[in-house]
């Protein structure tokens, strides 16, 4: 297993929180204490991100990330975990279900989608990589943050986003862009999900809007859905209280405060 950094809060059944792109475990700071009331919550930095070792090995695939998270679950002495994945983390969660379903106790798929990139999406990944190298991470990140959060997101949200984006290496960003560009279309996998599932979307998410979340929830047998008001693509960071209530109610119906 690659030497992944993680932080751990609470006791009980294991829950692993998987960040989006190009972020790190600190996007989950608003979840760790709240959700640790009923779970052993572990927020991980994927390969190349956050405090995990820098990445210099070419494309970072969703399958590699999924395998790493499975290895982490086993390293923590567990055989299963509740999985929460946002955006790219959702791609990883779906790869986990398809390839390592025995390790998944439940799924929370937040601000994500199952479909692969179409031709325009793939061209957009290439353009983003070229723009990053040409303009630098600071200028590139500013535009990205504006796309990820609702217009109403305050400076606290935007400053943490900036810290995460600017803390991610150029090579990792490009490798992750290529991994997302090449990822498998897992739309057909949704119908095979047999564990409890919750699909979450920010009401103002422009990248994976609520209609995508509703379609995913319809395709997953018995899935729940939660649309978070006044949030964009970063619902857990923008509206942590509403997100935490949705997850707590999903995990333990009737017990959310």
C-alpha atoms as a PDB file:
ATOM      1  CA  UNK A   1       0.000   0.000   0.000  1.00  0.00           C
ATOM      2  CA  UNK A   2       1.188   3.503  -0.706  1.00  0.00           C
ATOM      3  CA  UNK A   3       1.898   5.473   2.489  1.00  0.00           C
ATOM      4  CA  UNK A   4      -1.371   7.373   2.660  1.00  0.00           C
ATOM      5  CA  UNK A   5      -1.921  10.022   5.289  1.00  0.00           C
ATOM      6  CA  UNK A   6      -5.176   9.851   7.231  1.00  0.00           C
ATOM      7  CA  UNK A   7      -6.753  11.383  10.305  1.00  0.00           C
ATOM      8  CA  UNK A   8      -9.101   9.494  12.598  1.00  0.00           C
ATOM      9  CA  UNK A   9     -11.942  10.585  14.895  1.00  0.00           C
ATOM     10  CA  UNK A  10     -14.378   8.601  17.009  1.00  0.00           C
ATOM     11  CA  UNK A  11     -15.152   4.966  17.672  1.00  0.00           C
ATOM     12  CA  UNK A  12     -17.534   2.403  16.224  1.00  0.00           C
ATOM     13  CA  UNK A  13     -17.981   1.032  12.721  1.00  0.00           C
ATOM     14  CA  UNK A  14     -15.374   2.362  10.302  1.00  0.00           C
ATOM     15  CA  UNK A  15     -16.302   5.142   7.876  1.00  0.00           C
ATOM     16  CA  UNK A  16     -13.821   6.370   5.247  1.00  0.00           C
ATOM     17  CA  UNK A  17     -14.222   9.850   3.771  1.00  0.00           C
ATOM     18  CA  UNK A  18     -12.699  10.335   0.287  1.00  0.00           C
ATOM     19  CA  UNK A  19     -12.000  13.871  -0.883  1.00  0.00           C
ATOM     20  CA  UNK A  20     -12.578  15.431  -4.273  1.00  0.00           C
ATOM     21  CA  UNK A  21     -10.189  16.995  -6.797  1.00  0.00           C
ATOM     22  CA  UNK A  22      -7.748  18.686  -6.273  1.00  0.00           C
ATOM     23  CA  UNK A  23      -8.329  18.677  -2.540  1.00  0.00           C
ATOM     24  CA  UNK A  24      -7.339  16.743   0.583  1.00  0.00           C
ATOM     25  CA  UNK A  25      -8.669  15.396   3.868  1.00  0.00           C
ATOM     26  CA  UNK A  26      -9.186  18.882   5.321  1.00  0.00           C
ATOM     27  CA  UNK A  27     -12.321  19.314   3.216  1.00  0.00           C
ATOM     28  CA  UNK A  28     -13.943  16.985   5.787  1.00  0.00           C
ATOM     29  CA  UNK A  29     -13.076  19.003   8.914  1.00  0.00           C
ATOM     30  CA  UNK A  30     -16.734  19.956   9.279  1.00  0.00           C
ATOM     31  CA  UNK A  31     -17.736  16.286   9.274  1.00  0.00           C
ATOM     32  CA  UNK A  32     -15.162  14.518  11.451  1.00  0.00           C
ATOM     33  CA  UNK A  33     -16.410  15.590  14.876  1.00  0.00           C
ATOM     34  CA  UNK A  34     -20.114  15.532  14.005  1.00  0.00           C
ATOM     35  CA  UNK A  35     -20.125  12.119  12.330  1.00  0.00           C
ATOM     36  CA  UNK A  36     -17.757  10.557  14.866  1.00  0.00           C
ATOM     37  CA  UNK A  37     -20.679  10.383  17.305  1.00  0.00           C
ATOM     38  CA  UNK A  38     -21.598   7.061  15.684  1.00  0.00           C
ATOM     39  CA  UNK A  39     -18.598   6.077  13.563  1.00  0.00           C
ATOM     40  CA  UNK A  40     -14.833   5.694  13.558  1.00  0.00           C
ATOM     41  CA  UNK A  41     -14.344   8.369  10.899  1.00  0.00           C
ATOM     42  CA  UNK A  42     -11.165   8.274   8.818  1.00  0.00           C
ATOM     43  CA  UNK A  43     -10.462  11.064   6.305  1.00  0.00           C
ATOM     44  CA  UNK A  44      -7.749  10.015   3.884  1.00  0.00           C
ATOM     45  CA  UNK A  45      -5.398  11.878   1.556  1.00  0.00           C
ATOM     46  CA  UNK A  46      -5.304   9.961  -1.723  1.00  0.00           C
ATOM     47  CA  UNK A  47      -2.000   9.298  -3.520  1.00  0.00           C
ATOM     48  CA  UNK A  48      -0.209  12.547  -4.239  1.00  0.00           C
ATOM     49  CA  UNK A  49      -2.708  14.712  -2.337  1.00  0.00           C
ATOM     50  CA  UNK A  50      -2.456  16.519   0.972  1.00  0.00           C
ATOM     51  CA  UNK A  51       0.084  14.974   3.317  1.00  0.00           C
ATOM     52  CA  UNK A  52       0.449  11.746   1.381  1.00  0.00           C
ATOM     53  CA  UNK A  53       3.729  11.426  -0.545  1.00  0.00           C
ATOM     54  CA  UNK A  54       4.086  13.447  -3.732  1.00  0.00           C
ATOM     55  CA  UNK A  55       3.157  11.582  -6.892  1.00  0.00           C
ATOM     56  CA  UNK A  56       5.555  11.039  -9.803  1.00  0.00           C
ATOM     57  CA  UNK A  57       4.167   7.901 -11.416  1.00  0.00           C
ATOM     58  CA  UNK A  58       2.000   8.981 -14.350  1.00  0.00           C
ATOM     59  CA  UNK A  59      -1.795   8.797 -14.515  1.00  0.00           C
ATOM     60  CA  UNK A  60      -3.649   8.378 -11.227  1.00  0.00           C
ATOM     61  CA  UNK A  61      -6.543   6.054 -11.985  1.00  0.00           C
ATOM     62  CA  UNK A  62      -9.746   5.654 -10.020  1.00  0.00           C
ATOM     63  CA  UNK A  63      -8.971   1.941  -9.766  1.00  0.00           C
ATOM     64  CA  UNK A  64      -5.608   2.630  -8.125  1.00  0.00           C
ATOM     65  CA  UNK A  65      -7.214   4.976  -5.623  1.00  0.00           C
ATOM     66  CA  UNK A  66      -9.900   2.375  -4.907  1.00  0.00           C
ATOM     67  CA  UNK A  67      -7.288  -0.296  -4.278  1.00  0.00           C
ATOM     68  CA  UNK A  68      -5.416   2.070  -1.954  1.00  0.00           C
ATOM     69  CA  UNK A  69      -8.547   2.756   0.100  1.00  0.00           C
ATOM     70  CA  UNK A  70      -9.270  -0.966   0.364  1.00  0.00           C
ATOM     71  CA  UNK A  71      -5.708  -1.511   1.585  1.00  0.00           C
ATOM     72  CA  UNK A  72      -6.212   1.259   4.144  1.00  0.00           C
ATOM     73  CA  UNK A  73      -9.398  -0.403   5.421  1.00  0.00           C
ATOM     74  CA  UNK A  74      -7.473  -3.621   5.941  1.00  0.00           C
ATOM     75  CA  UNK A  75      -4.542  -1.730   7.498  1.00  0.00           C
ATOM     76  CA  UNK A  76      -6.990  -0.310  10.032  1.00  0.00           C
ATOM     77  CA  UNK A  77      -7.973  -3.844  10.995  1.00  0.00           C
ATOM     78  CA  UNK A  78     -11.386  -3.813   9.347  1.00  0.00           C
ATOM     79  CA  UNK A  79     -12.967  -5.742   6.499  1.00  0.00           C
ATOM     80  CA  UNK A  80     -15.732  -3.251   5.645  1.00  0.00           C
ATOM     81  CA  UNK A  81     -16.394   0.471   5.851  1.00  0.00           C
ATOM     82  CA  UNK A  82     -19.092   3.015   5.223  1.00  0.00           C
ATOM     83  CA  UNK A  83     -17.752   4.998   2.262  1.00  0.00           C
ATOM     84  CA  UNK A  84     -18.353   8.709   1.657  1.00  0.00           C
ATOM     85  CA  UNK A  85     -16.959  10.093  -1.590  1.00  0.00           C
ATOM     86  CA  UNK A  86     -17.295  13.576  -3.032  1.00  0.00           C
ATOM     87  CA  UNK A  87     -16.849  14.282  -6.752  1.00  0.00           C
ATOM     88  CA  UNK A  88     -13.641  12.435  -7.694  1.00  0.00           C
ATOM     89  CA  UNK A  89     -14.020  10.642  -4.379  1.00  0.00           C
ATOM     90  CA  UNK A  90     -17.378   9.423  -5.663  1.00  0.00           C
ATOM     91  CA  UNK A  91     -15.678   8.015  -8.753  1.00  0.00           C
ATOM     92  CA  UNK A  92     -13.335   6.167  -6.412  1.00  0.00           C
ATOM     93  CA  UNK A  93     -16.249   4.914  -4.306  1.00  0.00           C
ATOM     94  CA  UNK A  94     -17.990   3.497  -7.381  1.00  0.00           C
ATOM     95  CA  UNK A  95     -14.758   1.810  -8.474  1.00  0.00           C
ATOM     96  CA  UNK A  96     -14.553   0.307  -4.984  1.00  0.00           C
ATOM     97  CA  UNK A  97     -18.068  -1.049  -5.275  1.00  0.00           C
ATOM     98  CA  UNK A  98     -17.442  -2.561  -8.700  1.00  0.00           C
ATOM     99  CA  UNK A  99     -14.061  -4.113  -7.888  1.00  0.00           C
ATOM    100  CA  UNK A 100     -14.080  -4.586  -4.106  1.00  0.00           C
ATOM    101  CA  UNK A 101     -17.752  -4.639  -3.127  1.00  0.00           C
ATOM    102  CA  UNK A 102     -17.058  -6.900  -0.158  1.00  0.00           C
ATOM    103  CA  UNK A 103     -15.346  -3.974   1.598  1.00  0.00           C
ATOM    104  CA  UNK A 104     -18.294  -1.560   1.227  1.00  0.00           C
ATOM    105  CA  UNK A 105     -20.930  -1.484   3.992  1.00  0.00           C
ATOM    106  CA  UNK A 106     -22.765   1.572   2.659  1.00  0.00           C
ATOM    107  CA  UNK A 107     -22.239   4.385   0.154  1.00  0.00           C
ATOM    108  CA  UNK A 108     -22.683   8.141   0.293  1.00  0.00           C
ATOM    109  CA  UNK A 109     -22.135   9.591  -3.182  1.00  0.00           C
ATOM    110  CA  UNK A 110     -21.875  13.368  -2.926  1.00  0.00           C
ATOM    111  CA  UNK A 111     -21.789  15.853  -5.804  1.00  0.00           C
ATOM    112  CA  UNK A 112     -20.603  13.209  -8.242  1.00  0.00           C
ATOM    113  CA  UNK A 113     -21.753  11.171 -11.225  1.00  0.00           C
ATOM    114  CA  UNK A 114     -21.441   7.645 -12.556  1.00  0.00           C
ATOM    115  CA  UNK A 115     -21.035   8.507 -16.240  1.00  0.00           C
ATOM    116  CA  UNK A 116     -17.620   8.831 -17.828  1.00  0.00           C
ATOM    117  CA  UNK A 117     -16.410  11.913 -19.661  1.00  0.00           C
ATOM    118  CA  UNK A 118     -17.800  12.515 -23.131  1.00  0.00           C
ATOM    119  CA  UNK A 119     -15.553  13.941 -25.855  1.00  0.00           C
ATOM    120  CA  UNK A 120     -16.146  17.499 -24.680  1.00  0.00           C
ATOM    121  CA  UNK A 121     -15.384  16.517 -21.100  1.00  0.00           C
ATOM    122  CA  UNK A 122     -12.146  14.823 -22.113  1.00  0.00           C
ATOM    123  CA  UNK A 123     -11.112  17.878 -24.114  1.00  0.00           C
ATOM    124  CA  UNK A 124     -11.885  19.981 -21.050  1.00  0.00           C
ATOM    125  CA  UNK A 125      -9.521  17.867 -18.916  1.00  0.00           C
ATOM    126  CA  UNK A 126      -6.742  18.369 -21.473  1.00  0.00           C
ATOM    127  CA  UNK A 127      -7.423  22.095 -21.583  1.00  0.00           C
ATOM    128  CA  UNK A 128      -7.383  22.323 -17.786  1.00  0.00           C
ATOM    129  CA  UNK A 129      -4.005  20.586 -17.633  1.00  0.00           C
ATOM    130  CA  UNK A 130      -2.569  22.908 -20.274  1.00  0.00           C
ATOM    131  CA  UNK A 131      -3.985  25.980 -18.525  1.00  0.00           C
ATOM    132  CA  UNK A 132      -2.539  24.870 -15.189  1.00  0.00           C
ATOM    133  CA  UNK A 133       0.952  24.579 -16.627  1.00  0.00           C
ATOM    134  CA  UNK A 134       0.632  27.806 -18.604  1.00  0.00           C
ATOM    135  CA  UNK A 135      -0.974  30.054 -15.979  1.00  0.00           C
ATOM    136  CA  UNK A 136       0.213  28.502 -12.722  1.00  0.00           C
ATOM    137  CA  UNK A 137      -1.700  26.947  -9.880  1.00  0.00           C
ATOM    138  CA  UNK A 138      -2.811  30.192  -8.237  1.00  0.00           C
ATOM    139  CA  UNK A 139      -4.554  31.668 -11.273  1.00  0.00           C
ATOM    140  CA  UNK A 140      -5.914  28.285 -12.360  1.00  0.00           C
ATOM    141  CA  UNK A 141      -7.203  27.534  -8.870  1.00  0.00           C
ATOM    142  CA  UNK A 142      -9.121  30.779  -8.575  1.00  0.00           C
ATOM    143  CA  UNK A 143     -11.294  29.933 -11.549  1.00  0.00           C
ATOM    144  CA  UNK A 144     -11.750  26.385 -10.332  1.00  0.00           C
ATOM    145  CA  UNK A 145     -12.910  27.487  -6.881  1.00  0.00           C
ATOM    146  CA  UNK A 146     -15.485  29.816  -8.434  1.00  0.00           C
ATOM    147  CA  UNK A 147     -16.846  26.854 -10.389  1.00  0.00           C
ATOM    148  CA  UNK A 148     -16.936  24.539  -7.379  1.00  0.00           C
ATOM    149  CA  UNK A 149     -18.827  26.635  -4.835  1.00  0.00           C
ATOM    150  CA  UNK A 150     -22.082  28.579  -4.833  1.00  0.00           C
ATOM    151  CA  UNK A 151     -21.890  32.330  -5.330  1.00  0.00           C
ATOM    152  CA  UNK A 152     -22.941  32.743  -1.699  1.00  0.00           C
ATOM    153  CA  UNK A 153     -19.935  30.798  -0.345  1.00  0.00           C
ATOM    154  CA  UNK A 154     -18.056  32.965   2.129  1.00  0.00           C
ATOM    155  CA  UNK A 155     -14.345  33.672   2.539  1.00  0.00           C
ATOM    156  CA  UNK A 156     -13.908  30.858   5.080  1.00  0.00           C
ATOM    157  CA  UNK A 157     -14.987  28.275   2.523  1.00  0.00           C
ATOM    158  CA  UNK A 158     -12.996  29.853  -0.287  1.00  0.00           C
ATOM    159  CA  UNK A 159      -9.850  30.215   1.816  1.00  0.00           C
ATOM    160  CA  UNK A 160      -9.850  26.539   2.788  1.00  0.00           C
ATOM    161  CA  UNK A 161     -10.409  25.625  -0.848  1.00  0.00           C
ATOM    162  CA  UNK A 162      -7.462  27.833  -1.824  1.00  0.00           C
ATOM    163  CA  UNK A 163      -5.233  26.180   0.778  1.00  0.00           C
ATOM    164  CA  UNK A 164      -6.095  22.733  -0.555  1.00  0.00           C
ATOM    165  CA  UNK A 165      -5.724  23.592  -4.231  1.00  0.00           C
ATOM    166  CA  UNK A 166      -2.416  25.402  -3.775  1.00  0.00           C
ATOM    167  CA  UNK A 167      -1.118  22.600  -1.572  1.00  0.00           C
ATOM    168  CA  UNK A 168      -1.517  20.022  -4.361  1.00  0.00           C
ATOM    169  CA  UNK A 169       1.461  19.378  -6.642  1.00  0.00           C
ATOM    170  CA  UNK A 170       1.304  20.193 -10.321  1.00  0.00           C
ATOM    171  CA  UNK A 171       2.195  16.649 -11.322  1.00  0.00           C
ATOM    172  CA  UNK A 172      -0.544  15.232  -9.098  1.00  0.00           C
ATOM    173  CA  UNK A 173      -3.126  17.607 -10.558  1.00  0.00           C
ATOM    174  CA  UNK A 174      -2.240  16.607 -14.115  1.00  0.00           C
ATOM    175  CA  UNK A 175      -2.116  12.899 -13.217  1.00  0.00           C
ATOM    176  CA  UNK A 176      -5.545  13.145 -11.592  1.00  0.00           C
ATOM    177  CA  UNK A 177      -7.010  15.043 -14.555  1.00  0.00           C
ATOM    178  CA  UNK A 178      -5.818  12.276 -16.855  1.00  0.00           C
ATOM    179  CA  UNK A 179      -7.208   9.627 -14.514  1.00  0.00           C
ATOM    180  CA  UNK A 180     -10.626  11.264 -14.491  1.00  0.00           C
ATOM    181  CA  UNK A 181     -10.490  11.724 -18.251  1.00  0.00           C
ATOM    182  CA  UNK A 182      -9.834   8.008 -18.735  1.00  0.00           C
ATOM    183  CA  UNK A 183     -12.193   6.720 -16.041  1.00  0.00           C
ATOM    184  CA  UNK A 184     -14.731   4.064 -16.854  1.00  0.00           C
ATOM    185  CA  UNK A 185     -18.394   4.884 -17.345  1.00  0.00           C
ATOM    186  CA  UNK A 186     -19.987   3.184 -14.333  1.00  0.00           C
ATOM    187  CA  UNK A 187     -23.598   4.116 -15.041  1.00  0.00           C
ATOM    188  CA  UNK A 188     -24.378   0.425 -15.459  1.00  0.00           C
ATOM    189  CA  UNK A 189     -22.876  -0.346 -12.064  1.00  0.00           C
ATOM    190  CA  UNK A 190     -25.541   1.617 -10.175  1.00  0.00           C
ATOM    191  CA  UNK A 191     -28.207  -1.063 -10.535  1.00  0.00           C
ATOM    192  CA  UNK A 192     -25.872  -3.614  -8.948  1.00  0.00           C
ATOM    193  CA  UNK A 193     -25.500  -1.679  -5.676  1.00  0.00           C
ATOM    194  CA  UNK A 194     -27.019  -3.803  -2.924  1.00  0.00           C
ATOM    195  CA  UNK A 195     -25.830  -1.861   0.125  1.00  0.00           C
ATOM    196  CA  UNK A 196     -27.633   1.180   1.574  1.00  0.00           C
ATOM    197  CA  UNK A 197     -26.862   4.249  -0.534  1.00  0.00           C
ATOM    198  CA  UNK A 198     -27.382   7.983  -0.190  1.00  0.00           C
ATOM    199  CA  UNK A 199     -26.922  10.395  -3.081  1.00  0.00           C
ATOM    200  CA  UNK A 200     -26.268  14.027  -2.120  1.00  0.00           C
ATOM    201  CA  UNK A 201     -26.070  17.134  -4.282  1.00  0.00           C
ATOM    202  CA  UNK A 202     -25.798  20.836  -3.668  1.00  0.00           C
ATOM    203  CA  UNK A 203     -28.883  22.623  -4.915  1.00  0.00           C
ATOM    204  CA  UNK A 204     -26.656  25.022  -6.881  1.00  0.00           C
ATOM    205  CA  UNK A 205     -24.086  22.474  -8.058  1.00  0.00           C
ATOM    206  CA  UNK A 206     -23.289  23.511 -11.628  1.00  0.00           C
ATOM    207  CA  UNK A 207     -20.881  20.615 -12.329  1.00  0.00           C
ATOM    208  CA  UNK A 208     -23.066  17.685 -11.213  1.00  0.00           C
ATOM    209  CA  UNK A 209     -26.488  19.304 -10.799  1.00  0.00           C
ATOM    210  CA  UNK A 210     -29.360  17.853  -8.771  1.00  0.00           C
ATOM    211  CA  UNK A 211     -30.958  16.204 -11.792  1.00  0.00           C
ATOM    212  CA  UNK A 212     -27.875  13.978 -12.116  1.00  0.00           C
ATOM    213  CA  UNK A 213     -28.149  13.060  -8.442  1.00  0.00           C
ATOM    214  CA  UNK A 214     -31.849  12.246  -8.827  1.00  0.00           C
ATOM    215  CA  UNK A 215     -31.110  10.060 -11.835  1.00  0.00           C
ATOM    216  CA  UNK A 216     -28.408   8.192  -9.913  1.00  0.00           C
ATOM    217  CA  UNK A 217     -30.690   7.677  -6.923  1.00  0.00           C
ATOM    218  CA  UNK A 218     -33.389   6.300  -9.202  1.00  0.00           C
ATOM    219  CA  UNK A 219     -30.914   3.825 -10.726  1.00  0.00           C
ATOM    220  CA  UNK A 220     -29.652   2.532  -7.355  1.00  0.00           C
ATOM    221  CA  UNK A 221     -32.150   0.137  -5.759  1.00  0.00           C
ATOM    222  CA  UNK A 222     -33.618   1.675  -2.614  1.00  0.00           C
ATOM    223  CA  UNK A 223     -31.294   4.690  -2.614  1.00  0.00           C
ATOM    224  CA  UNK A 224     -32.001   7.826  -0.600  1.00  0.00           C
ATOM    225  CA  UNK A 225     -31.407  11.331  -1.898  1.00  0.00           C
ATOM    226  CA  UNK A 226     -30.687  14.655  -0.235  1.00  0.00           C
ATOM    227  CA  UNK A 227     -30.474  18.007  -2.022  1.00  0.00           C
ATOM    228  CA  UNK A 228     -28.582  20.532   0.118  1.00  0.00           C
ATOM    229  CA  UNK A 229     -29.897  24.123  -0.139  1.00  0.00           C
ATOM    230  CA  UNK A 230     -27.529  27.035  -0.742  1.00  0.00           C
ATOM    231  CA  UNK A 231     -24.625  24.768  -1.726  1.00  0.00           C
ATOM    232  CA  UNK A 232     -22.667  24.205  -4.904  1.00  0.00           C
ATOM    233  CA  UNK A 233     -20.367  21.295  -5.738  1.00  0.00           C
ATOM    234  CA  UNK A 234     -18.818  21.319  -2.257  1.00  0.00           C
ATOM    235  CA  UNK A 235     -21.918  20.626  -0.161  1.00  0.00           C
ATOM    236  CA  UNK A 236     -20.044  19.161   2.872  1.00  0.00           C
ATOM    237  CA  UNK A 237     -17.802  22.228   3.098  1.00  0.00           C
ATOM    238  CA  UNK A 238     -20.388  24.855   2.177  1.00  0.00           C
ATOM    239  CA  UNK A 239     -23.250  23.555   4.336  1.00  0.00           C
ATOM    240  CA  UNK A 240     -21.731  21.128   6.842  1.00  0.00           C
ATOM    241  CA  UNK A 241     -24.669  21.073   9.246  1.00  0.00           C
ATOM    242  CA  UNK A 242     -27.197  20.100   6.574  1.00  0.00           C
ATOM    243  CA  UNK A 243     -24.811  17.561   5.067  1.00  0.00           C
ATOM    244  CA  UNK A 244     -24.031  16.004   8.443  1.00  0.00           C
ATOM    245  CA  UNK A 245     -27.717  15.720   9.329  1.00  0.00           C
ATOM    246  CA  UNK A 246     -28.425  13.955   6.041  1.00  0.00           C
ATOM    247  CA  UNK A 247     -25.614  11.439   6.595  1.00  0.00           C
ATOM    248  CA  UNK A 248     -26.438  10.876  10.278  1.00  0.00           C
ATOM    249  CA  UNK A 249     -30.080  10.198   9.440  1.00  0.00           C
ATOM    250  CA  UNK A 250     -29.007   7.846   6.658  1.00  0.00           C
ATOM    251  CA  UNK A 251     -26.668   5.905   8.937  1.00  0.00           C
ATOM    252  CA  UNK A 252     -28.972   5.806  11.961  1.00  0.00           C
ATOM    253  CA  UNK A 253     -32.570   6.676  10.972  1.00  0.00           C
ATOM    254  CA  UNK A 254     -34.400   8.614  13.635  1.00  0.00           C
ATOM    255  CA  UNK A 255     -31.301   9.448  15.660  1.00  0.00           C
ATOM    256  CA  UNK A 256     -30.101  12.630  13.964  1.00  0.00           C
ATOM    257  CA  UNK A 257     -30.390  15.665  16.298  1.00  0.00           C
END
